[in-house]
C-alpha atoms as a PDB file:
ATOM      1  CA  ASP A   1     130.015 189.540 -28.097  1.00  0.00           C
ATOM      2  CA  ILE A   2     127.027 187.214 -28.160  1.00  0.00           C
ATOM      3  CA  VAL A   3     126.136 184.325 -25.850  1.00  0.00           C
ATOM      4  CA  CYS A   4     123.850 181.307 -26.226  1.00  0.00           C
ATOM      5  CA  ILE A   5     123.006 179.026 -23.293  1.00  0.00           C
ATOM      6  CA  GLN A   6     121.233 175.817 -24.277  1.00  0.00           C
ATOM      7  CA  PRO A   7     119.672 173.586 -21.584  1.00  0.00           C
ATOM      8  CA  LEU A   8     122.260 171.482 -19.722  1.00  0.00           C
ATOM      9  CA  ARG A   9     125.173 172.894 -21.753  1.00  0.00           C
ATOM     10  CA  ASP A  10     127.985 175.320 -21.084  1.00  0.00           C
ATOM     11  CA  PRO A  11     127.523 178.834 -22.478  1.00  0.00           C
ATOM     12  CA  ALA A  12     128.598 179.324 -26.095  1.00  0.00           C
ATOM     13  CA  VAL A  13     130.377 182.687 -26.320  1.00  0.00           C
ATOM     14  CA  GLY A  14     131.068 184.436 -29.629  1.00  0.00           C
ATOM     15  CA  PRO A  15     129.554 183.993 -33.097  1.00  0.00           C
ATOM     16  CA  GLY A  16     131.526 180.846 -33.983  1.00  0.00           C
ATOM     17  CA  ALA A  17     130.691 179.025 -30.748  1.00  0.00           C
ATOM     18  CA  VAL A  18     127.015 180.024 -31.003  1.00  0.00           C
ATOM     19  CA  ARG A  19     126.787 178.749 -34.605  1.00  0.00           C
ATOM     20  CA  GLU A  20     128.435 175.482 -33.534  1.00  0.00           C
ATOM     21  CA  SER A  21     126.005 175.027 -30.611  1.00  0.00           C
ATOM     22  CA  TRP A  22     123.031 175.378 -32.996  1.00  0.00           C
ATOM     23  CA  ARG A  23     124.689 173.101 -35.569  1.00  0.00           C
ATOM     24  CA  GLU A  24     124.868 170.424 -32.858  1.00  0.00           C
ATOM     25  CA  VAL A  25     121.183 170.928 -31.968  1.00  0.00           C
ATOM     26  CA  PHE A  26     120.075 170.460 -35.578  1.00  0.00           C
ATOM     27  CA  ALA A  27     122.649 167.747 -36.474  1.00  0.00           C
ATOM     28  CA  THR A  28     120.425 164.968 -35.130  1.00  0.00           C
ATOM     29  CA  GLY A  29     118.813 164.548 -38.540  1.00  0.00           C
ATOM     30  CA  ASN A  30     115.379 165.265 -37.071  1.00  0.00           C
ATOM     31  CA  ARG A  31     113.252 168.102 -38.421  1.00  0.00           C
ATOM     32  CA  VAL A  32     112.819 170.520 -35.504  1.00  0.00           C
ATOM     33  CA  GLU A  33     110.198 173.264 -35.567  1.00  0.00           C
ATOM     34  CA  ILE A  34     110.226 175.931 -32.845  1.00  0.00           C
ATOM     35  CA  GLU A  35     107.089 177.947 -32.100  1.00  0.00           C
ATOM     36  CA  ILE A  36     107.739 181.102 -30.061  1.00  0.00           C
ATOM     37  CA  LEU A  37     105.090 182.129 -27.509  1.00  0.00           C
ATOM     38  CA  HIS A  38     105.798 185.622 -26.115  1.00  0.00           C
ATOM     39  CA  GLN A  39     105.205 185.878 -22.363  1.00  0.00           C
ATOM     40  CA  HIS A  40     106.681 189.271 -21.455  1.00  0.00           C
ATOM     41  CA  TRP A  41     108.977 191.914 -22.890  1.00  0.00           C
ATOM     42  CA  ILE A  42     110.740 195.065 -21.796  1.00  0.00           C
ATOM     43  CA  GLU A  43     112.167 197.591 -24.228  1.00  0.00           C
ATOM     44  CA  HIS A  44     114.371 200.610 -23.598  1.00  0.00           C
ATOM     45  CA  SER A  45     116.174 202.880 -26.030  1.00  0.00           C
ATOM     46  CA  ASP A  46     118.896 200.429 -27.074  1.00  0.00           C
ATOM     47  CA  MET A  47     118.057 197.184 -25.217  1.00  0.00           C
ATOM     48  CA  ALA A  48     115.111 194.809 -25.232  1.00  0.00           C
ATOM     49  CA  VAL A  49     114.426 191.685 -23.162  1.00  0.00           C
ATOM     50  CA  HIS A  50     111.892 189.095 -24.307  1.00  0.00           C
ATOM     51  CA  VAL A  51     110.747 186.192 -22.125  1.00  0.00           C
ATOM     52  CA  VAL A  52     109.258 183.471 -24.301  1.00  0.00           C
ATOM     53  CA  LYS A  53     108.200 179.864 -24.268  1.00  0.00           C
ATOM     54  CA  GLU A  54     109.584 177.705 -27.059  1.00  0.00           C
ATOM     55  CA  ARG A  55     107.296 174.890 -28.114  1.00  0.00           C
ATOM     56  CA  LEU A  56     109.233 172.235 -30.049  1.00  0.00           C
ATOM     57  CA  THR A  57     107.825 169.850 -32.616  1.00  0.00           C
ATOM     58  CA  ILE A  58     110.175 167.092 -33.765  1.00  0.00           C
ATOM     59  CA  ASP A  59     109.566 165.443 -37.140  1.00  0.00           C
ATOM     60  CA  GLY A  60     106.022 166.866 -37.198  1.00  0.00           C
ATOM     61  CA  ASN A  61     104.941 164.752 -34.202  1.00  0.00           C
ATOM     62  CA  VAL A  62     102.586 167.175 -32.416  1.00  0.00           C
ATOM     63  CA  ALA A  63     101.166 164.406 -30.186  1.00  0.00           C
ATOM     64  CA  GLN A  64     104.580 163.730 -28.588  1.00  0.00           C
ATOM     65  CA  ARG A  65     105.615 167.361 -28.087  1.00  0.00           C
ATOM     66  CA  PRO A  66     107.751 167.943 -24.969  1.00  0.00           C
ATOM     67  CA  PRO A  67     106.679 170.674 -22.512  1.00  0.00           C
ATOM     68  CA  PRO A  68     107.659 174.166 -23.704  1.00  0.00           C
ATOM     69  CA  LEU A  69     111.108 175.445 -22.823  1.00  0.00           C
ATOM     70  CA  VAL A  70     111.459 178.865 -21.187  1.00  0.00           C
ATOM     71  CA  ALA A  71     113.845 181.324 -22.854  1.00  0.00           C
ATOM     72  CA  THR A  72     115.154 184.818 -22.294  1.00  0.00           C
ATOM     73  CA  ASN A  73     116.323 186.751 -25.356  1.00  0.00           C
ATOM     74  CA  VAL A  74     118.245 190.003 -24.965  1.00  0.00           C
ATOM     75  CA  TYR A  75     118.538 192.311 -27.970  1.00  0.00           C
ATOM     76  CA  ARG A  76     120.756 195.365 -28.504  1.00  0.00           C
ATOM     77  CA  ARG A  77     119.895 198.086 -31.013  1.00  0.00           C
ATOM     78  CA  GLU A  78     122.776 198.698 -33.404  1.00  0.00           C
ATOM     79  CA  PRO A  79     122.960 200.998 -36.448  1.00  0.00           C
ATOM     80  CA  ALA A  80     121.781 198.166 -38.734  1.00  0.00           C
ATOM     81  CA  GLY A  81     118.888 197.197 -36.398  1.00  0.00           C
ATOM     82  CA  TRP A  82     118.211 194.900 -33.443  1.00  0.00           C
ATOM     83  CA  VAL A  83     120.779 192.168 -32.729  1.00  0.00           C
ATOM     84  CA  LEU A  84     120.229 189.143 -30.473  1.00  0.00           C
ATOM     85  CA  VAL A  85     123.098 189.205 -27.944  1.00  0.00           C
ATOM     86  CA  LEU A  86     121.896 186.610 -25.400  1.00  0.00           C
ATOM     87  CA  HIS A  87     119.670 183.551 -25.797  1.00  0.00           C
ATOM     88  CA  HIS A  88     119.250 181.575 -22.538  1.00  0.00           C
ATOM     89  CA  VAL A  89     116.996 178.515 -22.541  1.00  0.00           C
ATOM     90  CA  SER A  90     115.847 176.651 -19.430  1.00  0.00           C
ATOM     91  CA  PRO A  91     113.753 173.532 -19.005  1.00  0.00           C
ATOM     92  CA  PRO A  92     110.186 174.154 -17.857  1.00  0.00           C
ATOM     93  CA  PRO A  93     109.331 173.921 -14.159  1.00  0.00           C
ATOM     94  CA  PRO A  94     108.285 170.448 -12.992  1.00  0.00           C
ATOM     95  CA  PRO A  95     104.577 169.625 -12.833  1.00  0.00           C
ATOM     96  CA  PRO A  96     102.925 170.602  -9.525  1.00  0.00           C
ATOM     97  CA  GLY A  97     103.610 168.000  -6.830  1.00  0.00           C
ATOM     98  CA  MET A  98     106.378 166.200  -8.733  1.00  0.00           C
ATOM     99  CA  ILE A  99     109.144 167.649  -6.544  1.00  0.00           C
ATOM    100  CA  PRO A 100     108.143 168.966  -3.110  1.00  0.00           C
ATOM    101  CA  GLY A 101     108.758 172.693  -2.843  1.00  0.00           C
ATOM    102  CA  MET A 102     109.207 173.147  -6.606  1.00  0.00           C
ATOM    103  CA  GLY A 103     106.910 174.150  -9.415  1.00  0.00           C
ATOM    104  CA  PRO A 104     104.799 177.179 -10.248  1.00  0.00           C
ATOM    105  CA  GLY A 105     104.308 179.402  -7.207  1.00  0.00           C
ATOM    106  CA  ALA A 106     106.743 177.413  -5.037  1.00  0.00           C
ATOM    107  CA  ILE A 107     109.216 180.249  -4.567  1.00  0.00           C
ATOM    108  CA  ARG A 108     107.825 182.958  -2.355  1.00  0.00           C
ATOM    109  CA  PRO A 109     109.429 186.097  -0.937  1.00  0.00           C
ATOM    110  CA  PRO A 110     110.519 185.889   2.706  1.00  0.00           C
ATOM    111  CA  ARG A 111     108.030 187.041   5.304  1.00  0.00           C
ATOM    112  CA  PRO A 112     108.810 190.352   7.016  1.00  0.00           C
END
């Protein structure tokens, strides 16, 4: 099976539900462009995990671009090639100082 988790939505499980979730995203009538910025990836014999940022442009308005989303894509190698089996998108972390205790570097391992 395949799974797609869009921000603030329940997981879409199975090809039909995933197609429907993307149809809803693009049904707004706006032209949405998604630029993928690779951050990290891990590949093994039949699985690969890519961590990316997704920079959205809506109706060509680069000046009003929202902050990039953070996504994890998991691929499985099948006889016909690589297949995306999980796409999980999260909102970006808040700007530093916006929420006390949150933001880049806010989560630290416990002290021994």
